[in-house]
Amino acid sequence: MIRLRWRDYRTEKGRRPVREFIASLTPTEAVEVLAAMHDVATLGLTVARHLRGDLYEVRVSTDSRDFRVLFAQEAKFVLLSLSAFKKRTQKTPLAEIELALARLADWRERGRRPS
């Protein structure tokens, strides 16, 4: 089986929003989120939920809170984390989906620009 690798979306100024979100969690919550992301990397997209277009989500439940990580598969072996948030509603908020799609479009556009 092919093992996928995670990469973080970076803003033009170098911020890494998903990494910053995970760093803001308790140690136990962070371990749970990273374990769920590891499952996707080793088991593939079948353990994630497809949202729209190229966008998927990793679902994470801890004893106290639930979290989501939105991502896209970029290239054959790369998973690009785009957005992460604490789940508060039944459905994935449209604003989070739109944010992730905007970041994906930004990532792809900057990848096409000559250096």
PDB file of N, CA and C in Angstrom:
ATOM      1  N   MET A   1       0.837  -1.184   0.000  1.00  0.00           N
ATOM      2  CA  MET A   1       0.000   0.000   0.000  1.00  0.00           C
ATOM      3  C   MET A   1       0.887   1.255   0.000  1.00  0.00           C
ATOM      4  N   ILE A   2       0.461   2.251  -0.721  1.00  0.00           N
ATOM      5  CA  ILE A   2       1.189   3.513  -0.812  1.00  0.00           C
ATOM      6  C   ILE A   2       0.842   4.375   0.401  1.00  0.00           C
ATOM      7  N   ARG A   3       1.864   4.899   1.040  1.00  0.00           N
ATOM      8  CA  ARG A   3       1.637   5.784   2.189  1.00  0.00           C
ATOM      9  C   ARG A   3       1.670   7.229   1.705  1.00  0.00           C
ATOM     10  N   LEU A   4       0.618   7.946   2.042  1.00  0.00           N
ATOM     11  CA  LEU A   4       0.520   9.350   1.677  1.00  0.00           C
ATOM     12  C   LEU A   4       1.239  10.204   2.718  1.00  0.00           C
ATOM     13  N   ARG A   5       1.622  11.414   2.314  1.00  0.00           N
ATOM     14  CA  ARG A   5       2.300  12.340   3.227  1.00  0.00           C
ATOM     15  C   ARG A   5       1.481  13.615   3.362  1.00  0.00           C
ATOM     16  N   TRP A   6       1.446  14.154   4.575  1.00  0.00           N
ATOM     17  CA  TRP A   6       0.736  15.398   4.838  1.00  0.00           C
ATOM     18  C   TRP A   6       1.645  16.594   4.604  1.00  0.00           C
ATOM     19  N   ARG A   7       1.089  17.628   4.022  1.00  0.00           N
ATOM     20  CA  ARG A   7       1.736  18.935   3.918  1.00  0.00           C
ATOM     21  C   ARG A   7       0.724  19.959   4.400  1.00  0.00           C
ATOM     22  N   ASP A   8       1.218  21.042   4.984  1.00  0.00           N
ATOM     23  CA  ASP A   8       0.348  22.110   5.461  1.00  0.00           C
ATOM     24  C   ASP A   8       0.220  23.196   4.414  1.00  0.00           C
ATOM     25  N   TYR A   9      -0.987  23.699   4.266  1.00  0.00           N
ATOM     26  CA  TYR A   9      -1.171  24.923   3.482  1.00  0.00           C
ATOM     27  C   TYR A   9      -0.423  26.035   4.200  1.00  0.00           C
ATOM     28  N   ARG A  10       0.290  26.837   3.437  1.00  0.00           N
ATOM     29  CA  ARG A  10       0.986  28.004   3.983  1.00  0.00           C
ATOM     30  C   ARG A  10       0.463  29.245   3.280  1.00  0.00           C
ATOM     31  N   THR A  11       0.236  30.278   4.067  1.00  0.00           N
ATOM     32  CA  THR A  11      -0.165  31.548   3.479  1.00  0.00           C
ATOM     33  C   THR A  11       1.042  32.153   2.776  1.00  0.00           C
ATOM     34  N   GLU A  12       0.816  33.220   2.027  1.00  0.00           N
ATOM     35  CA  GLU A  12       1.948  33.870   1.349  1.00  0.00           C
ATOM     36  C   GLU A  12       2.964  34.398   2.345  1.00  0.00           C
ATOM     37  N   LYS A  13       2.518  34.703   3.556  1.00  0.00           N
ATOM     38  CA  LYS A  13       3.435  35.199   4.591  1.00  0.00           C
ATOM     39  C   LYS A  13       4.054  34.072   5.412  1.00  0.00           C
ATOM     40  N   GLY A  14       3.730  32.831   5.069  1.00  0.00           N
ATOM     41  CA  GLY A  14       4.355  31.696   5.735  1.00  0.00           C
ATOM     42  C   GLY A  14       3.602  31.113   6.917  1.00  0.00           C
ATOM     43  N   ARG A  15       2.440  31.648   7.248  1.00  0.00           N
ATOM     44  CA  ARG A  15       1.645  31.076   8.340  1.00  0.00           C
ATOM     45  C   ARG A  15       1.127  29.698   7.939  1.00  0.00           C
ATOM     46  N   ARG A  16       0.971  28.834   8.919  1.00  0.00           N
ATOM     47  CA  ARG A  16       0.454  27.486   8.707  1.00  0.00           C
ATOM     48  C   ARG A  16      -0.778  27.306   9.597  1.00  0.00           C
ATOM     49  N   PRO A  17      -1.967  27.673   9.100  1.00  0.00           N
ATOM     50  CA  PRO A  17      -3.170  27.710   9.940  1.00  0.00           C
ATOM     51  C   PRO A  17      -3.528  26.387  10.616  1.00  0.00           C
ATOM     52  N   VAL A  18      -3.387  25.279   9.924  1.00  0.00           N
ATOM     53  CA  VAL A  18      -3.755  23.996  10.534  1.00  0.00           C
ATOM     54  C   VAL A  18      -2.763  23.633  11.635  1.00  0.00           C
ATOM     55  N   ARG A  19      -1.498  23.837  11.380  1.00  0.00           N
ATOM     56  CA  ARG A  19      -0.490  23.561  12.405  1.00  0.00           C
ATOM     57  C   ARG A  19      -0.725  24.442  13.638  1.00  0.00           C
ATOM     58  N   GLU A  20      -1.053  25.715  13.408  1.00  0.00           N
ATOM     59  CA  GLU A  20      -1.329  26.628  14.519  1.00  0.00           C
ATOM     60  C   GLU A  20      -2.551  26.167  15.314  1.00  0.00           C
ATOM     61  N   PHE A  21      -3.583  25.683  14.606  1.00  0.00           N
ATOM     62  CA  PHE A  21      -4.781  25.193  15.284  1.00  0.00           C
ATOM     63  C   PHE A  21      -4.445  23.988  16.159  1.00  0.00           C
ATOM     64  N   ILE A  22      -3.714  23.039  15.609  1.00  0.00           N
ATOM     65  CA  ILE A  22      -3.356  21.841  16.372  1.00  0.00           C
ATOM     66  C   ILE A  22      -2.514  22.217  17.593  1.00  0.00           C
ATOM     67  N   ALA A  23      -1.621  23.178  17.436  1.00  0.00           N
ATOM     68  CA  ALA A  23      -0.790  23.629  18.559  1.00  0.00           C
ATOM     69  C   ALA A  23      -1.629  24.276  19.663  1.00  0.00           C
ATOM     70  N   SER A  24      -2.808  24.785  19.334  1.00  0.00           N
ATOM     71  CA  SER A  24      -3.663  25.430  20.330  1.00  0.00           C
ATOM     72  C   SER A  24      -4.488  24.435  21.144  1.00  0.00           C
ATOM     73  N   LEU A  25      -4.497  23.173  20.741  1.00  0.00           N
ATOM     74  CA  LEU A  25      -5.284  22.150  21.429  1.00  0.00           C
ATOM     75  C   LEU A  25      -4.550  21.629  22.661  1.00  0.00           C
ATOM     76  N   THR A  26      -5.283  20.926  23.512  1.00  0.00           N
ATOM     77  CA  THR A  26      -4.628  20.256  24.629  1.00  0.00           C
ATOM     78  C   THR A  26      -3.747  19.150  24.053  1.00  0.00           C
ATOM     79  N   PRO A  27      -2.746  18.691  24.785  1.00  0.00           N
ATOM     80  CA  PRO A  27      -1.900  17.615  24.265  1.00  0.00           C
ATOM     81  C   PRO A  27      -2.695  16.368  23.852  1.00  0.00           C
ATOM     82  N   THR A  28      -3.680  15.992  24.638  1.00  0.00           N
ATOM     83  CA  THR A  28      -4.491  14.812  24.311  1.00  0.00           C
ATOM     84  C   THR A  28      -5.279  15.023  23.030  1.00  0.00           C
ATOM     85  N   GLU A  29      -5.889  16.202  22.876  1.00  0.00           N
ATOM     86  CA  GLU A  29      -6.646  16.499  21.658  1.00  0.00           C
ATOM     87  C   GLU A  29      -5.737  16.514  20.444  1.00  0.00           C
ATOM     88  N   ALA A  30      -4.565  17.121  20.575  1.00  0.00           N
ATOM     89  CA  ALA A  30      -3.619  17.181  19.459  1.00  0.00           C
ATOM     90  C   ALA A  30      -3.211  15.782  19.022  1.00  0.00           C
ATOM     91  N   VAL A  31      -2.958  14.898  19.982  1.00  0.00           N
ATOM     92  CA  VAL A  31      -2.592  13.512  19.649  1.00  0.00           C
ATOM     93  C   VAL A  31      -3.726  12.831  18.890  1.00  0.00           C
ATOM     94  N   GLU A  32      -4.961  13.060  19.311  1.00  0.00           N
ATOM     95  CA  GLU A  32      -6.113  12.454  18.632  1.00  0.00           C
ATOM     96  C   GLU A  32      -6.247  12.957  17.193  1.00  0.00           C
ATOM     97  N   VAL A  33      -6.073  14.259  16.992  1.00  0.00           N
ATOM     98  CA  VAL A  33      -6.166  14.834  15.647  1.00  0.00           C
ATOM     99  C   VAL A  33      -5.057  14.270  14.769  1.00  0.00           C
ATOM    100  N   LEU A  34      -3.838  14.247  15.282  1.00  0.00           N
ATOM    101  CA  LEU A  34      -2.708  13.729  14.503  1.00  0.00           C
ATOM    102  C   LEU A  34      -2.862  12.239  14.212  1.00  0.00           C
ATOM    103  N   ALA A  35      -3.435  11.492  15.144  1.00  0.00           N
ATOM    104  CA  ALA A  35      -3.671  10.060  14.914  1.00  0.00           C
ATOM    105  C   ALA A  35      -4.689   9.846  13.789  1.00  0.00           C
ATOM    106  N   ALA A  36      -5.739  10.663  13.764  1.00  0.00           N
ATOM    107  CA  ALA A  36      -6.732  10.554  12.695  1.00  0.00           C
ATOM    108  C   ALA A  36      -6.116  10.912  11.345  1.00  0.00           C
ATOM    109  N   MET A  37      -5.261  11.924  11.334  1.00  0.00           N
ATOM    110  CA  MET A  37      -4.582  12.294  10.094  1.00  0.00           C
ATOM    111  C   MET A  37      -3.634  11.173   9.660  1.00  0.00           C
ATOM    112  N   HIS A  38      -2.982  10.539  10.611  1.00  0.00           N
ATOM    113  CA  HIS A  38      -2.102   9.404  10.300  1.00  0.00           C
ATOM    114  C   HIS A  38      -2.904   8.257   9.680  1.00  0.00           C
ATOM    115  N   ASP A  39      -4.101   8.017  10.189  1.00  0.00           N
ATOM    116  CA  ASP A  39      -4.955   6.967   9.621  1.00  0.00           C
ATOM    117  C   ASP A  39      -5.234   7.227   8.143  1.00  0.00           C
ATOM    118  N   VAL A  40      -5.517   8.470   7.796  1.00  0.00           N
ATOM    119  CA  VAL A  40      -5.767   8.808   6.389  1.00  0.00           C
ATOM    120  C   VAL A  40      -4.497   8.585   5.567  1.00  0.00           C
ATOM    121  N   ALA A  41      -3.357   8.956   6.121  1.00  0.00           N
ATOM    122  CA  ALA A  41      -2.093   8.795   5.388  1.00  0.00           C
ATOM    123  C   ALA A  41      -1.782   7.324   5.138  1.00  0.00           C
ATOM    124  N   THR A  42      -2.124   6.460   6.070  1.00  0.00           N
ATOM    125  CA  THR A  42      -1.788   5.043   5.910  1.00  0.00           C
ATOM    126  C   THR A  42      -2.899   4.237   5.240  1.00  0.00           C
ATOM    127  N   LEU A  43      -4.158   4.604   5.481  1.00  0.00           N
ATOM    128  CA  LEU A  43      -5.275   3.818   4.951  1.00  0.00           C
ATOM    129  C   LEU A  43      -5.912   4.430   3.706  1.00  0.00           C
ATOM    130  N   GLY A  44      -5.635   5.702   3.447  1.00  0.00           N
ATOM    131  CA  GLY A  44      -6.155   6.350   2.246  1.00  0.00           C
ATOM    132  C   GLY A  44      -7.452   7.104   2.474  1.00  0.00           C
ATOM    133  N   LEU A  45      -7.989   7.624   1.395  1.00  0.00           N
ATOM    134  CA  LEU A  45      -9.172   8.476   1.449  1.00  0.00           C
ATOM    135  C   LEU A  45     -10.428   7.743   1.886  1.00  0.00           C
ATOM    136  N   THR A  46     -10.391   6.430   1.915  1.00  0.00           N
ATOM    137  CA  THR A  46     -11.573   5.669   2.326  1.00  0.00           C
ATOM    138  C   THR A  46     -11.950   5.915   3.782  1.00  0.00           C
ATOM    139  N   VAL A  47     -11.014   6.390   4.609  1.00  0.00           N
ATOM    140  CA  VAL A  47     -11.319   6.673   6.013  1.00  0.00           C
ATOM    141  C   VAL A  47     -11.648   8.144   6.238  1.00  0.00           C
ATOM    142  N   ALA A  48     -11.710   8.910   5.165  1.00  0.00           N
ATOM    143  CA  ALA A  48     -12.095  10.321   5.238  1.00  0.00           C
ATOM    144  C   ALA A  48     -13.483  10.475   4.620  1.00  0.00           C
ATOM    145  N   ARG A  49     -14.076  11.624   4.817  1.00  0.00           N
ATOM    146  CA  ARG A  49     -15.395  11.910   4.241  1.00  0.00           C
ATOM    147  C   ARG A  49     -15.230  12.914   3.111  1.00  0.00           C
ATOM    148  N   HIS A  50     -15.768  12.581   1.944  1.00  0.00           N
ATOM    149  CA  HIS A  50     -15.727  13.493   0.807  1.00  0.00           C
ATOM    150  C   HIS A  50     -16.756  14.602   1.037  1.00  0.00           C
ATOM    151  N   LEU A  51     -16.340  15.849   0.812  1.00  0.00           N
ATOM    152  CA  LEU A  51     -17.247  16.983   0.987  1.00  0.00           C
ATOM    153  C   LEU A  51     -17.735  17.537  -0.339  1.00  0.00           C
ATOM    154  N   ARG A  52     -16.782  17.974  -1.168  1.00  0.00           N
ATOM    155  CA  ARG A  52     -17.137  18.616  -2.431  1.00  0.00           C
ATOM    156  C   ARG A  52     -15.896  18.719  -3.292  1.00  0.00           C
ATOM    157  N   GLY A  53     -16.016  18.416  -4.564  1.00  0.00           N
ATOM    158  CA  GLY A  53     -14.874  18.535  -5.478  1.00  0.00           C
ATOM    159  C   GLY A  53     -13.682  17.750  -4.966  1.00  0.00           C
ATOM    160  N   ASP A  54     -12.556  18.429  -4.779  1.00  0.00           N
ATOM    161  CA  ASP A  54     -11.339  17.792  -4.278  1.00  0.00           C
ATOM    162  C   ASP A  54     -11.238  17.814  -2.761  1.00  0.00           C
ATOM    163  N   LEU A  55     -12.262  18.288  -2.080  1.00  0.00           N
ATOM    164  CA  LEU A  55     -12.212  18.517  -0.637  1.00  0.00           C
ATOM    165  C   LEU A  55     -12.746  17.325   0.162  1.00  0.00           C
ATOM    166  N   TYR A  56     -11.961  16.943   1.184  1.00  0.00           N
ATOM    167  CA  TYR A  56     -12.320  15.863   2.111  1.00  0.00           C
ATOM    168  C   TYR A  56     -12.190  16.375   3.533  1.00  0.00           C
ATOM    169  N   GLU A  57     -12.741  15.595   4.487  1.00  0.00           N
ATOM    170  CA  GLU A  57     -12.566  15.956   5.881  1.00  0.00           C
ATOM    171  C   GLU A  57     -12.190  14.743   6.701  1.00  0.00           C
ATOM    172  N   VAL A  58     -11.338  14.987   7.695  1.00  0.00           N
ATOM    173  CA  VAL A  58     -10.984  14.004   8.707  1.00  0.00           C
ATOM    174  C   VAL A  58     -11.840  14.329   9.915  1.00  0.00           C
ATOM    175  N   ARG A  59     -12.526  13.332  10.435  1.00  0.00           N
ATOM    176  CA  ARG A  59     -13.373  13.534  11.610  1.00  0.00           C
ATOM    177  C   ARG A  59     -12.644  13.012  12.840  1.00  0.00           C
ATOM    178  N   VAL A  60     -12.655  13.821  13.888  1.00  0.00           N
ATOM    179  CA  VAL A  60     -11.961  13.467  15.124  1.00  0.00           C
ATOM    180  C   VAL A  60     -12.900  13.702  16.302  1.00  0.00           C
ATOM    181  N   SER A  61     -13.075  12.679  17.133  1.00  0.00           N
ATOM    182  CA  SER A  61     -13.871  12.812  18.351  1.00  0.00           C
ATOM    183  C   SER A  61     -12.990  12.498  19.548  1.00  0.00           C
ATOM    184  N   THR A  62     -12.976  13.416  20.495  1.00  0.00           N
ATOM    185  CA  THR A  62     -12.253  13.188  21.746  1.00  0.00           C
ATOM    186  C   THR A  62     -13.298  13.079  22.859  1.00  0.00           C
ATOM    187  N   ASP A  63     -12.853  12.864  24.076  1.00  0.00           N
ATOM    188  CA  ASP A  63     -13.785  12.767  25.198  1.00  0.00           C
ATOM    189  C   ASP A  63     -14.568  14.046  25.413  1.00  0.00           C
ATOM    190  N   SER A  64     -13.942  15.188  25.091  1.00  0.00           N
ATOM    191  CA  SER A  64     -14.587  16.459  25.402  1.00  0.00           C
ATOM    192  C   SER A  64     -15.105  17.237  24.191  1.00  0.00           C
ATOM    193  N   ARG A  65     -14.439  17.122  23.051  1.00  0.00           N
ATOM    194  CA  ARG A  65     -14.825  17.915  21.878  1.00  0.00           C
ATOM    195  C   ARG A  65     -14.592  17.129  20.592  1.00  0.00           C
ATOM    196  N   ASP A  66     -15.205  17.630  19.525  1.00  0.00           N
ATOM    197  CA  ASP A  66     -15.022  17.048  18.196  1.00  0.00           C
ATOM    198  C   ASP A  66     -14.330  18.073  17.304  1.00  0.00           C
ATOM    199  N   PHE A  67     -13.509  17.570  16.377  1.00  0.00           N
ATOM    200  CA  PHE A  67     -12.749  18.429  15.480  1.00  0.00           C
ATOM    201  C   PHE A  67     -12.851  17.905  14.060  1.00  0.00           C
ATOM    202  N   ARG A  68     -12.568  18.800  13.112  1.00  0.00           N
ATOM    203  CA  ARG A  68     -12.503  18.443  11.702  1.00  0.00           C
ATOM    204  C   ARG A  68     -11.251  19.064  11.093  1.00  0.00           C
ATOM    205  N   VAL A  69     -10.642  18.318  10.164  1.00  0.00           N
ATOM    206  CA  VAL A  69      -9.534  18.837   9.364  1.00  0.00           C
ATOM    207  C   VAL A  69      -9.948  18.686   7.913  1.00  0.00           C
ATOM    208  N   LEU A  70     -10.004  19.794   7.187  1.00  0.00           N
ATOM    209  CA  LEU A  70     -10.357  19.766   5.769  1.00  0.00           C
ATOM    210  C   LEU A  70      -9.076  19.717   4.955  1.00  0.00           C
ATOM    211  N   PHE A  71      -9.076  18.896   3.913  1.00  0.00           N
ATOM    212  CA  PHE A  71      -7.869  18.700   3.122  1.00  0.00           C
ATOM    213  C   PHE A  71      -8.207  18.286   1.702  1.00  0.00           C
ATOM    214  N   ALA A  72      -7.186  18.287   0.858  1.00  0.00           N
ATOM    215  CA  ALA A  72      -7.305  17.814  -0.523  1.00  0.00           C
ATOM    216  C   ALA A  72      -6.092  16.954  -0.828  1.00  0.00           C
ATOM    217  N   GLN A  73      -6.276  15.998  -1.730  1.00  0.00           N
ATOM    218  CA  GLN A  73      -5.122  15.226  -2.185  1.00  0.00           C
ATOM    219  C   GLN A  73      -4.497  15.996  -3.334  1.00  0.00           C
ATOM    220  N   GLU A  74      -3.236  16.371  -3.147  1.00  0.00           N
ATOM    221  CA  GLU A  74      -2.480  17.102  -4.152  1.00  0.00           C
ATOM    222  C   GLU A  74      -1.357  16.199  -4.616  1.00  0.00           C
ATOM    223  N   ALA A  75      -1.308  15.915  -5.866  1.00  0.00           N
ATOM    224  CA  ALA A  75      -0.340  14.967  -6.421  1.00  0.00           C
ATOM    225  C   ALA A  75      -0.682  13.570  -5.910  1.00  0.00           C
ATOM    226  N   LYS A  76       0.073  12.602  -6.355  1.00  0.00           N
ATOM    227  CA  LYS A  76      -0.253  11.215  -6.048  1.00  0.00           C
ATOM    228  C   LYS A  76      -0.064  10.848  -4.582  1.00  0.00           C
ATOM    229  N   PHE A  77       0.932  11.441  -3.934  1.00  0.00           N
ATOM    230  CA  PHE A  77       1.281  11.023  -2.583  1.00  0.00           C
ATOM    231  C   PHE A  77       1.081  12.093  -1.515  1.00  0.00           C
ATOM    232  N   VAL A  78       0.496  13.242  -1.844  1.00  0.00           N
ATOM    233  CA  VAL A  78       0.456  14.369  -0.917  1.00  0.00           C
ATOM    234  C   VAL A  78      -0.983  14.717  -0.520  1.00  0.00           C
ATOM    235  N   LEU A  79      -1.189  14.841   0.790  1.00  0.00           N
ATOM    236  CA  LEU A  79      -2.439  15.342   1.343  1.00  0.00           C
ATOM    237  C   LEU A  79      -2.158  16.750   1.872  1.00  0.00           C
ATOM    238  N   LEU A  80      -2.922  17.717   1.434  1.00  0.00           N
ATOM    239  CA  LEU A  80      -2.707  19.109   1.815  1.00  0.00           C
ATOM    240  C   LEU A  80      -3.761  19.529   2.831  1.00  0.00           C
ATOM    241  N   SER A  81      -3.337  19.749   4.083  1.00  0.00           N
ATOM    242  CA  SER A  81      -4.273  20.217   5.111  1.00  0.00           C
ATOM    243  C   SER A  81      -4.577  21.688   4.851  1.00  0.00           C
ATOM    244  N   LEU A  82      -5.864  22.028   4.847  1.00  0.00           N
ATOM    245  CA  LEU A  82      -6.293  23.371   4.466  1.00  0.00           C
ATOM    246  C   LEU A  82      -6.944  24.150   5.595  1.00  0.00           C
ATOM    247  N   SER A  83      -7.711  23.468   6.425  1.00  0.00           N
ATOM    248  CA  SER A  83      -8.447  24.141   7.489  1.00  0.00           C
ATOM    249  C   SER A  83      -8.717  23.136   8.602  1.00  0.00           C
ATOM    250  N   ALA A  84      -8.752  23.615   9.833  1.00  0.00           N
ATOM    251  CA  ALA A  84      -9.104  22.779  10.974  1.00  0.00           C
ATOM    252  C   ALA A  84      -9.947  23.611  11.928  1.00  0.00           C
ATOM    253  N   PHE A  85     -10.912  22.974  12.565  1.00  0.00           N
ATOM    254  CA  PHE A  85     -11.808  23.710  13.449  1.00  0.00           C
ATOM    255  C   PHE A  85     -12.473  22.774  14.448  1.00  0.00           C
ATOM    256  N   LYS A  86     -13.002  23.382  15.501  1.00  0.00           N
ATOM    257  CA  LYS A  86     -13.779  22.650  16.497  1.00  0.00           C
ATOM    258  C   LYS A  86     -15.196  22.516  15.964  1.00  0.00           C
ATOM    259  N   LYS A  87     -15.709  21.317  15.966  1.00  0.00           N
ATOM    260  CA  LYS A  87     -17.054  21.069  15.446  1.00  0.00           C
ATOM    261  C   LYS A  87     -18.084  21.562  16.452  1.00  0.00           C
ATOM    262  N   ARG A  88     -19.014  22.383  15.949  1.00  0.00           N
ATOM    263  CA  ARG A  88     -20.071  22.907  16.823  1.00  0.00           C
ATOM    264  C   ARG A  88     -21.467  22.596  16.294  1.00  0.00           C
ATOM    265  N   THR A  89     -21.551  22.247  15.015  1.00  0.00           N
ATOM    266  CA  THR A  89     -22.858  22.002  14.396  1.00  0.00           C
ATOM    267  C   THR A  89     -22.866  20.628  13.744  1.00  0.00           C
ATOM    268  N   GLN A  90     -24.054  20.168  13.394  1.00  0.00           N
ATOM    269  CA  GLN A  90     -24.203  18.854  12.763  1.00  0.00           C
ATOM    270  C   GLN A  90     -23.487  18.792  11.415  1.00  0.00           C
ATOM    271  N   LYS A  91     -23.685  19.819  10.583  1.00  0.00           N
ATOM    272  CA  LYS A  91     -23.076  19.851   9.254  1.00  0.00           C
ATOM    273  C   LYS A  91     -21.783  20.664   9.293  1.00  0.00           C
ATOM    274  N   THR A  92     -20.905  20.364   8.352  1.00  0.00           N
ATOM    275  CA  THR A  92     -19.681  21.159   8.212  1.00  0.00           C
ATOM    276  C   THR A  92     -20.088  22.563   7.767  1.00  0.00           C
ATOM    277  N   PRO A  93     -19.678  23.598   8.513  1.00  0.00           N
ATOM    278  CA  PRO A  93     -20.089  24.966   8.164  1.00  0.00           C
ATOM    279  C   PRO A  93     -19.632  25.359   6.757  1.00  0.00           C
ATOM    280  N   LEU A  94     -20.530  25.980   6.026  1.00  0.00           N
ATOM    281  CA  LEU A  94     -20.237  26.425   4.664  1.00  0.00           C
ATOM    282  C   LEU A  94     -19.039  27.368   4.646  1.00  0.00           C
ATOM    283  N   ALA A  95     -18.898  28.212   5.665  1.00  0.00           N
ATOM    284  CA  ALA A  95     -17.767  29.144   5.717  1.00  0.00           C
ATOM    285  C   ALA A  95     -16.443  28.386   5.778  1.00  0.00           C
ATOM    286  N   GLU A  96     -16.390  27.266   6.485  1.00  0.00           N
ATOM    287  CA  GLU A  96     -15.160  26.466   6.559  1.00  0.00           C
ATOM    288  C   GLU A  96     -14.860  25.797   5.221  1.00  0.00           C
ATOM    289  N   ILE A  97     -15.908  25.319   4.548  1.00  0.00           N
ATOM    290  CA  ILE A  97     -15.729  24.707   3.227  1.00  0.00           C
ATOM    291  C   ILE A  97     -15.209  25.751   2.242  1.00  0.00           C
ATOM    292  N   GLU A  98     -15.811  26.931   2.259  1.00  0.00           N
ATOM    293  CA  GLU A  98     -15.383  27.993   1.344  1.00  0.00           C
ATOM    294  C   GLU A  98     -13.960  28.451   1.649  1.00  0.00           C
ATOM    295  N   LEU A  99     -13.594  28.527   2.928  1.00  0.00           N
ATOM    296  CA  LEU A  99     -12.229  28.887   3.307  1.00  0.00           C
ATOM    297  C   LEU A  99     -11.233  27.859   2.779  1.00  0.00           C
ATOM    298  N   ALA A 100     -11.551  26.582   2.962  1.00  0.00           N
ATOM    299  CA  ALA A 100     -10.663  25.523   2.481  1.00  0.00           C
ATOM    300  C   ALA A 100     -10.537  25.559   0.959  1.00  0.00           C
ATOM    301  N   LEU A 101     -11.640  25.765   0.262  1.00  0.00           N
ATOM    302  CA  LEU A 101     -11.587  25.844  -1.199  1.00  0.00           C
ATOM    303  C   LEU A 101     -10.787  27.058  -1.657  1.00  0.00           C
ATOM    304  N   ALA A 102     -10.919  28.182  -0.968  1.00  0.00           N
ATOM    305  CA  ALA A 102     -10.142  29.384  -1.321  1.00  0.00           C
ATOM    306  C   ALA A 102      -8.653  29.129  -1.097  1.00  0.00           C
ATOM    307  N   ARG A 103      -8.317  28.462   0.012  1.00  0.00           N
ATOM    308  CA  ARG A 103      -6.912  28.154   0.267  1.00  0.00           C
ATOM    309  C   ARG A 103      -6.355  27.183  -0.760  1.00  0.00           C
ATOM    310  N   LEU A 104      -7.163  26.216  -1.168  1.00  0.00           N
ATOM    311  CA  LEU A 104      -6.722  25.273  -2.194  1.00  0.00           C
ATOM    312  C   LEU A 104      -6.474  26.000  -3.517  1.00  0.00           C
ATOM    313  N   ALA A 105      -7.385  26.893  -3.888  1.00  0.00           N
ATOM    314  CA  ALA A 105      -7.210  27.672  -5.123  1.00  0.00           C
ATOM    315  C   ALA A 105      -5.958  28.540  -5.032  1.00  0.00           C
ATOM    316  N   ASP A 106      -5.729  29.159  -3.869  1.00  0.00           N
ATOM    317  CA  ASP A 106      -4.537  29.983  -3.655  1.00  0.00           C
ATOM    318  C   ASP A 106      -3.275  29.130  -3.781  1.00  0.00           C
ATOM    319  N   TRP A 107      -3.270  27.976  -3.152  1.00  0.00           N
ATOM    320  CA  TRP A 107      -2.120  27.049  -3.199  1.00  0.00           C
ATOM    321  C   TRP A 107      -1.799  26.672  -4.645  1.00  0.00           C
ATOM    322  N   ARG A 108      -2.820  26.318  -5.379  1.00  0.00           N
ATOM    323  CA  ARG A 108      -2.612  25.909  -6.765  1.00  0.00           C
ATOM    324  C   ARG A 108      -2.153  27.080  -7.631  1.00  0.00           C
ATOM    325  N   GLU A 109      -2.723  28.245  -7.421  1.00  0.00           N
ATOM    326  CA  GLU A 109      -2.334  29.424  -8.198  1.00  0.00           C
ATOM    327  C   GLU A 109      -0.873  29.785  -7.929  1.00  0.00           C
ATOM    328  N   ARG A 110      -0.469  29.803  -6.674  1.00  0.00           N
ATOM    329  CA  ARG A 110       0.908  30.139  -6.351  1.00  0.00           C
ATOM    330  C   ARG A 110       1.876  29.076  -6.870  1.00  0.00           C
ATOM    331  N   GLY A 111       1.418  27.840  -6.988  1.00  0.00           N
ATOM    332  CA  GLY A 111       2.256  26.780  -7.528  1.00  0.00           C
ATOM    333  C   GLY A 111       2.517  26.939  -9.020  1.00  0.00           C
ATOM    334  N   ARG A 112       1.629  27.662  -9.708  1.00  0.00           N
ATOM    335  CA  ARG A 112       1.776  27.886 -11.152  1.00  0.00           C
ATOM    336  C   ARG A 112       2.629  29.097 -11.478  1.00  0.00           C
ATOM    337  N   ARG A 113       2.797  29.987 -10.495  1.00  0.00           N
ATOM    338  CA  ARG A 113       3.558  31.217 -10.746  1.00  0.00           C
ATOM    339  C   ARG A 113       5.049  30.897 -10.894  1.00  0.00           C
ATOM    340  N   PRO A 114       5.697  31.558 -11.827  1.00  0.00           N
ATOM    341  CA  PRO A 114       7.151  31.379 -11.941  1.00  0.00           C
ATOM    342  C   PRO A 114       7.844  31.978 -10.720  1.00  0.00           C
ATOM    343  N   SER A 115       8.911  31.362 -10.296  1.00  0.00           N
ATOM    344  CA  SER A 115       9.658  31.829  -9.106  1.00  0.00           C
ATOM    345  C   SER A 115      10.472  33.064  -9.399  1.00  0.00           C
TER     346      SER A 115
END
